[in-house]
Amino acid sequence: MFEDIKESLQENTGAKLYNFIELKDDVLYIWNSLENCLFCLNLKHLEEHPDNTPYQVSSFL
């Protein structure tokens, strides 16, 4: 996930929302302003299964 989001965190696209990172209830949310999508990662699952933790991508058009 962090490899996917690295570019958008370094670049200001002129979007009103960028570099948004939030942690709530053991879920990490990161906004990708280049692709207009939200990455979500369950940190509790990551702690229990470090080698097999998928993350969710929600696209907004």
PDB file of N, CA and C in Angstrom:
ATOM      1  N   MET A   1       0.825  -1.183   0.000  1.00  0.00           N
ATOM      2  CA  MET A   1       0.000   0.000   0.000  1.00  0.00           C
ATOM      3  C   MET A   1       0.873   1.251   0.000  1.00  0.00           C
ATOM      4  N   PHE A   2       1.935   1.252   0.787  1.00  0.00           N
ATOM      5  CA  PHE A   2       2.759   2.452   0.886  1.00  0.00           C
ATOM      6  C   PHE A   2       3.528   2.720  -0.398  1.00  0.00           C
ATOM      7  N   GLU A   3       3.879   1.678  -1.111  1.00  0.00           N
ATOM      8  CA  GLU A   3       4.509   1.874  -2.419  1.00  0.00           C
ATOM      9  C   GLU A   3       3.524   2.518  -3.387  1.00  0.00           C
ATOM     10  N   ASP A   4       2.266   2.109  -3.319  1.00  0.00           N
ATOM     11  CA  ASP A   4       1.235   2.664  -4.197  1.00  0.00           C
ATOM     12  C   ASP A   4       0.940   4.130  -3.884  1.00  0.00           C
ATOM     13  N   ILE A   5       1.028   4.501  -2.640  1.00  0.00           N
ATOM     14  CA  ILE A   5       0.628   5.850  -2.233  1.00  0.00           C
ATOM     15  C   ILE A   5       1.794   6.841  -2.222  1.00  0.00           C
ATOM     16  N   LYS A   6       3.018   6.354  -2.315  1.00  0.00           N
ATOM     17  CA  LYS A   6       4.214   7.199  -2.187  1.00  0.00           C
ATOM     18  C   LYS A   6       4.198   8.405  -3.128  1.00  0.00           C
ATOM     19  N   GLU A   7       3.854   8.193  -4.391  1.00  0.00           N
ATOM     20  CA  GLU A   7       3.842   9.288  -5.370  1.00  0.00           C
ATOM     21  C   GLU A   7       2.848  10.380  -5.004  1.00  0.00           C
ATOM     22  N   SER A   8       1.658   9.990  -4.616  1.00  0.00           N
ATOM     23  CA  SER A   8       0.626  10.995  -4.339  1.00  0.00           C
ATOM     24  C   SER A   8       0.939  11.802  -3.085  1.00  0.00           C
ATOM     25  N   LEU A   9       1.679  11.232  -2.155  1.00  0.00           N
ATOM     26  CA  LEU A   9       2.040  11.969  -0.947  1.00  0.00           C
ATOM     27  C   LEU A   9       3.114  13.017  -1.226  1.00  0.00           C
ATOM     28  N   GLN A  10       3.892  12.811  -2.270  1.00  0.00           N
ATOM     29  CA  GLN A  10       4.971  13.740  -2.603  1.00  0.00           C
ATOM     30  C   GLN A  10       4.524  14.848  -3.540  1.00  0.00           C
ATOM     31  N   GLU A  11       3.419  14.650  -4.228  1.00  0.00           N
ATOM     32  CA  GLU A  11       3.012  15.577  -5.280  1.00  0.00           C
ATOM     33  C   GLU A  11       1.730  16.316  -4.909  1.00  0.00           C
ATOM     34  N   ASN A  12       1.729  17.621  -5.059  1.00  0.00           N
ATOM     35  CA  ASN A  12       0.526  18.420  -4.845  1.00  0.00           C
ATOM     36  C   ASN A  12      -0.187  18.547  -6.188  1.00  0.00           C
ATOM     37  N   THR A  13      -1.340  17.911  -6.307  1.00  0.00           N
ATOM     38  CA  THR A  13      -2.076  17.889  -7.573  1.00  0.00           C
ATOM     39  C   THR A  13      -2.990  19.095  -7.733  1.00  0.00           C
ATOM     40  N   GLY A  14      -3.055  19.948  -6.741  1.00  0.00           N
ATOM     41  CA  GLY A  14      -3.972  21.078  -6.788  1.00  0.00           C
ATOM     42  C   GLY A  14      -5.359  20.707  -6.297  1.00  0.00           C
ATOM     43  N   ALA A  15      -5.548  19.451  -5.914  1.00  0.00           N
ATOM     44  CA  ALA A  15      -6.837  19.008  -5.393  1.00  0.00           C
ATOM     45  C   ALA A  15      -7.066  19.638  -4.021  1.00  0.00           C
ATOM     46  N   LYS A  16      -8.326  19.795  -3.659  1.00  0.00           N
ATOM     47  CA  LYS A  16      -8.649  20.382  -2.357  1.00  0.00           C
ATOM     48  C   LYS A  16      -8.244  19.462  -1.209  1.00  0.00           C
ATOM     49  N   LEU A  17      -8.242  18.155  -1.468  1.00  0.00           N
ATOM     50  CA  LEU A  17      -7.881  17.191  -0.442  1.00  0.00           C
ATOM     51  C   LEU A  17      -6.686  16.379  -0.918  1.00  0.00           C
ATOM     52  N   TYR A  18      -5.581  16.473  -0.195  1.00  0.00           N
ATOM     53  CA  TYR A  18      -4.411  15.656  -0.500  1.00  0.00           C
ATOM     54  C   TYR A  18      -3.621  15.444   0.787  1.00  0.00           C
ATOM     55  N   ASN A  19      -2.788  14.414   0.791  1.00  0.00           N
ATOM     56  CA  ASN A  19      -1.996  14.058   1.968  1.00  0.00           C
ATOM     57  C   ASN A  19      -2.866  13.867   3.209  1.00  0.00           C
ATOM     58  N   PHE A  20      -4.020  13.251   3.028  1.00  0.00           N
ATOM     59  CA  PHE A  20      -4.935  12.991   4.139  1.00  0.00           C
ATOM     60  C   PHE A  20      -4.657  11.598   4.678  1.00  0.00           C
ATOM     61  N   ILE A  21      -4.286  11.514   5.941  1.00  0.00           N
ATOM     62  CA  ILE A  21      -4.019  10.238   6.598  1.00  0.00           C
ATOM     63  C   ILE A  21      -4.763  10.250   7.929  1.00  0.00           C
ATOM     64  N   GLU A  22      -5.532   9.182   8.180  1.00  0.00           N
ATOM     65  CA  GLU A  22      -6.340   9.105   9.407  1.00  0.00           C
ATOM     66  C   GLU A  22      -6.252   7.692   9.967  1.00  0.00           C
ATOM     67  N   LEU A  23      -6.182   7.576  11.265  1.00  0.00           N
ATOM     68  CA  LEU A  23      -6.207   6.290  11.951  1.00  0.00           C
ATOM     69  C   LEU A  23      -7.404   6.287  12.883  1.00  0.00           C
ATOM     70  N   LYS A  24      -8.297   5.315  12.687  1.00  0.00           N
ATOM     71  CA  LYS A  24      -9.493   5.230  13.529  1.00  0.00           C
ATOM     72  C   LYS A  24      -9.870   3.767  13.705  1.00  0.00           C
ATOM     73  N   ASP A  25     -10.047   3.355  14.944  1.00  0.00           N
ATOM     74  CA  ASP A  25     -10.462   1.984  15.278  1.00  0.00           C
ATOM     75  C   ASP A  25      -9.575   0.936  14.609  1.00  0.00           C
ATOM     76  N   ASP A  26      -8.273   1.111  14.690  1.00  0.00           N
ATOM     77  CA  ASP A  26      -7.278   0.180  14.130  1.00  0.00           C
ATOM     78  C   ASP A  26      -7.326   0.070  12.610  1.00  0.00           C
ATOM     79  N   VAL A  27      -7.925   1.038  11.952  1.00  0.00           N
ATOM     80  CA  VAL A  27      -7.934   1.069  10.489  1.00  0.00           C
ATOM     81  C   VAL A  27      -7.226   2.342  10.037  1.00  0.00           C
ATOM     82  N   LEU A  28      -6.258   2.174   9.142  1.00  0.00           N
ATOM     83  CA  LEU A  28      -5.510   3.298   8.593  1.00  0.00           C
ATOM     84  C   LEU A  28      -6.140   3.687   7.260  1.00  0.00           C
ATOM     85  N   TYR A  29      -6.496   4.964   7.118  1.00  0.00           N
ATOM     86  CA  TYR A  29      -7.088   5.493   5.893  1.00  0.00           C
ATOM     87  C   TYR A  29      -6.103   6.480   5.273  1.00  0.00           C
ATOM     88  N   ILE A  30      -5.830   6.321   3.989  1.00  0.00           N
ATOM     89  CA  ILE A  30      -4.945   7.244   3.273  1.00  0.00           C
ATOM     90  C   ILE A  30      -5.605   7.616   1.953  1.00  0.00           C
ATOM     91  N   TRP A  31      -5.736   8.916   1.700  1.00  0.00           N
ATOM     92  CA  TRP A  31      -6.332   9.415   0.465  1.00  0.00           C
ATOM     93  C   TRP A  31      -5.260   9.533  -0.608  1.00  0.00           C
ATOM     94  N   ASN A  32      -5.519   8.960  -1.785  1.00  0.00           N
ATOM     95  CA  ASN A  32      -4.629   9.076  -2.936  1.00  0.00           C
ATOM     96  C   ASN A  32      -5.234  10.118  -3.870  1.00  0.00           C
ATOM     97  N   SER A  33      -4.672  11.316  -3.869  1.00  0.00           N
ATOM     98  CA  SER A  33      -5.242  12.411  -4.659  1.00  0.00           C
ATOM     99  C   SER A  33      -4.958  12.275  -6.150  1.00  0.00           C
ATOM    100  N   LEU A  34      -3.956  11.482  -6.531  1.00  0.00           N
ATOM    101  CA  LEU A  34      -3.676  11.280  -7.956  1.00  0.00           C
ATOM    102  C   LEU A  34      -4.726  10.393  -8.610  1.00  0.00           C
ATOM    103  N   GLU A  35      -5.177   9.379  -7.879  1.00  0.00           N
ATOM    104  CA  GLU A  35      -6.144   8.424  -8.430  1.00  0.00           C
ATOM    105  C   GLU A  35      -7.549   8.608  -7.862  1.00  0.00           C
ATOM    106  N   ASN A  36      -7.751   9.608  -7.017  1.00  0.00           N
ATOM    107  CA  ASN A  36      -9.047   9.850  -6.368  1.00  0.00           C
ATOM    108  C   ASN A  36      -9.602   8.589  -5.724  1.00  0.00           C
ATOM    109  N   CYS A  37      -8.795   7.990  -4.848  1.00  0.00           N
ATOM    110  CA  CYS A  37      -9.260   6.790  -4.163  1.00  0.00           C
ATOM    111  C   CYS A  37      -8.752   6.785  -2.723  1.00  0.00           C
ATOM    112  N   LEU A  38      -9.406   5.985  -1.913  1.00  0.00           N
ATOM    113  CA  LEU A  38      -9.093   5.876  -0.497  1.00  0.00           C
ATOM    114  C   LEU A  38      -8.534   4.486  -0.229  1.00  0.00           C
ATOM    115  N   PHE A  39      -7.356   4.424   0.379  1.00  0.00           N
ATOM    116  CA  PHE A  39      -6.752   3.162   0.777  1.00  0.00           C
ATOM    117  C   PHE A  39      -7.109   2.909   2.234  1.00  0.00           C
ATOM    118  N   CYS A  40      -7.482   1.671   2.555  1.00  0.00           N
ATOM    119  CA  CYS A  40      -7.834   1.302   3.922  1.00  0.00           C
ATOM    120  C   CYS A  40      -7.067   0.042   4.307  1.00  0.00           C
ATOM    121  N   LEU A  41      -6.461   0.066   5.475  1.00  0.00           N
ATOM    122  CA  LEU A  41      -5.672  -1.066   5.946  1.00  0.00           C
ATOM    123  C   LEU A  41      -6.027  -1.350   7.399  1.00  0.00           C
ATOM    124  N   ASN A  42      -6.412  -2.586   7.689  1.00  0.00           N
ATOM    125  CA  ASN A  42      -6.735  -3.003   9.045  1.00  0.00           C
ATOM    126  C   ASN A  42      -5.426  -3.342   9.762  1.00  0.00           C
ATOM    127  N   LEU A  43      -5.009  -2.491  10.682  1.00  0.00           N
ATOM    128  CA  LEU A  43      -3.723  -2.670  11.355  1.00  0.00           C
ATOM    129  C   LEU A  43      -3.720  -3.844  12.325  1.00  0.00           C
ATOM    130  N   LYS A  44      -4.858  -4.150  12.909  1.00  0.00           N
ATOM    131  CA  LYS A  44      -4.936  -5.311  13.804  1.00  0.00           C
ATOM    132  C   LYS A  44      -4.693  -6.597  13.011  1.00  0.00           C
ATOM    133  N   HIS A  45      -5.278  -6.691  11.826  1.00  0.00           N
ATOM    134  CA  HIS A  45      -5.053  -7.852  10.973  1.00  0.00           C
ATOM    135  C   HIS A  45      -3.593  -7.911  10.533  1.00  0.00           C
ATOM    136  N   LEU A  46      -3.017  -6.772  10.238  1.00  0.00           N
ATOM    137  CA  LEU A  46      -1.609  -6.704   9.841  1.00  0.00           C
ATOM    138  C   LEU A  46      -0.704  -7.215  10.958  1.00  0.00           C
ATOM    139  N   GLU A  47      -1.026  -6.870  12.185  1.00  0.00           N
ATOM    140  CA  GLU A  47      -0.239  -7.328  13.330  1.00  0.00           C
ATOM    141  C   GLU A  47      -0.319  -8.845  13.485  1.00  0.00           C
ATOM    142  N   GLU A  48      -1.500  -9.413  13.247  1.00  0.00           N
ATOM    143  CA  GLU A  48      -1.703 -10.853  13.409  1.00  0.00           C
ATOM    144  C   GLU A  48      -1.217 -11.649  12.206  1.00  0.00           C
ATOM    145  N   HIS A  49      -1.258 -11.056  11.012  1.00  0.00           N
ATOM    146  CA  HIS A  49      -0.880 -11.742   9.768  1.00  0.00           C
ATOM    147  C   HIS A  49       0.005 -10.822   8.923  1.00  0.00           C
ATOM    148  N   PRO A  50       1.239 -10.609   9.321  1.00  0.00           N
ATOM    149  CA  PRO A  50       2.078  -9.616   8.624  1.00  0.00           C
ATOM    150  C   PRO A  50       2.384  -9.953   7.166  1.00  0.00           C
ATOM    151  N   ASP A  51       2.369 -11.233   6.813  1.00  0.00           N
ATOM    152  CA  ASP A  51       2.707 -11.603   5.437  1.00  0.00           C
ATOM    153  C   ASP A  51       1.507 -11.665   4.507  1.00  0.00           C
ATOM    154  N   ASN A  52       0.306 -11.621   5.074  1.00  0.00           N
ATOM    155  CA  ASN A  52      -0.889 -11.780   4.242  1.00  0.00           C
ATOM    156  C   ASN A  52      -1.976 -10.807   4.692  1.00  0.00           C
ATOM    157  N   THR A  53      -1.744  -9.533   4.481  1.00  0.00           N
ATOM    158  CA  THR A  53      -2.742  -8.536   4.854  1.00  0.00           C
ATOM    159  C   THR A  53      -3.077  -7.678   3.644  1.00  0.00           C
ATOM    160  N   PRO A  54      -4.216  -7.950   3.019  1.00  0.00           N
ATOM    161  CA  PRO A  54      -4.614  -7.119   1.876  1.00  0.00           C
ATOM    162  C   PRO A  54      -5.125  -5.764   2.355  1.00  0.00           C
ATOM    163  N   TYR A  55      -5.188  -4.839   1.444  1.00  0.00           N
ATOM    164  CA  TYR A  55      -5.785  -3.548   1.761  1.00  0.00           C
ATOM    165  C   TYR A  55      -6.870  -3.262   0.742  1.00  0.00           C
ATOM    166  N   GLN A  56      -7.793  -2.418   1.117  1.00  0.00           N
ATOM    167  CA  GLN A  56      -8.936  -2.094   0.274  1.00  0.00           C
ATOM    168  C   GLN A  56      -8.707  -0.754  -0.404  1.00  0.00           C
ATOM    169  N   VAL A  57      -9.143  -0.659  -1.661  1.00  0.00           N
ATOM    170  CA  VAL A  57      -9.079   0.591  -2.408  1.00  0.00           C
ATOM    171  C   VAL A  57     -10.493   0.942  -2.845  1.00  0.00           C
ATOM    172  N   SER A  58     -10.966   2.109  -2.433  1.00  0.00           N
ATOM    173  CA  SER A  58     -12.286   2.591  -2.833  1.00  0.00           C
ATOM    174  C   SER A  58     -12.102   3.761  -3.784  1.00  0.00           C
ATOM    175  N   SER A  59     -12.556   3.597  -5.014  1.00  0.00           N
ATOM    176  CA  SER A  59     -12.385   4.644  -6.028  1.00  0.00           C
ATOM    177  C   SER A  59     -13.582   5.581  -6.054  1.00  0.00           C
ATOM    178  N   PHE A  60     -13.302   6.858  -6.267  1.00  0.00           N
ATOM    179  CA  PHE A  60     -14.334   7.884  -6.364  1.00  0.00           C
ATOM    180  C   PHE A  60     -14.123   8.635  -7.664  1.00  0.00           C
ATOM    181  N   LEU A  61     -15.113   8.643  -8.505  1.00  0.00           N
ATOM    182  CA  LEU A  61     -14.988   9.336  -9.790  1.00  0.00           C
ATOM    183  C   LEU A  61     -15.686  10.658  -9.766  1.00  0.00           C
TER     184      LEU A  61
END
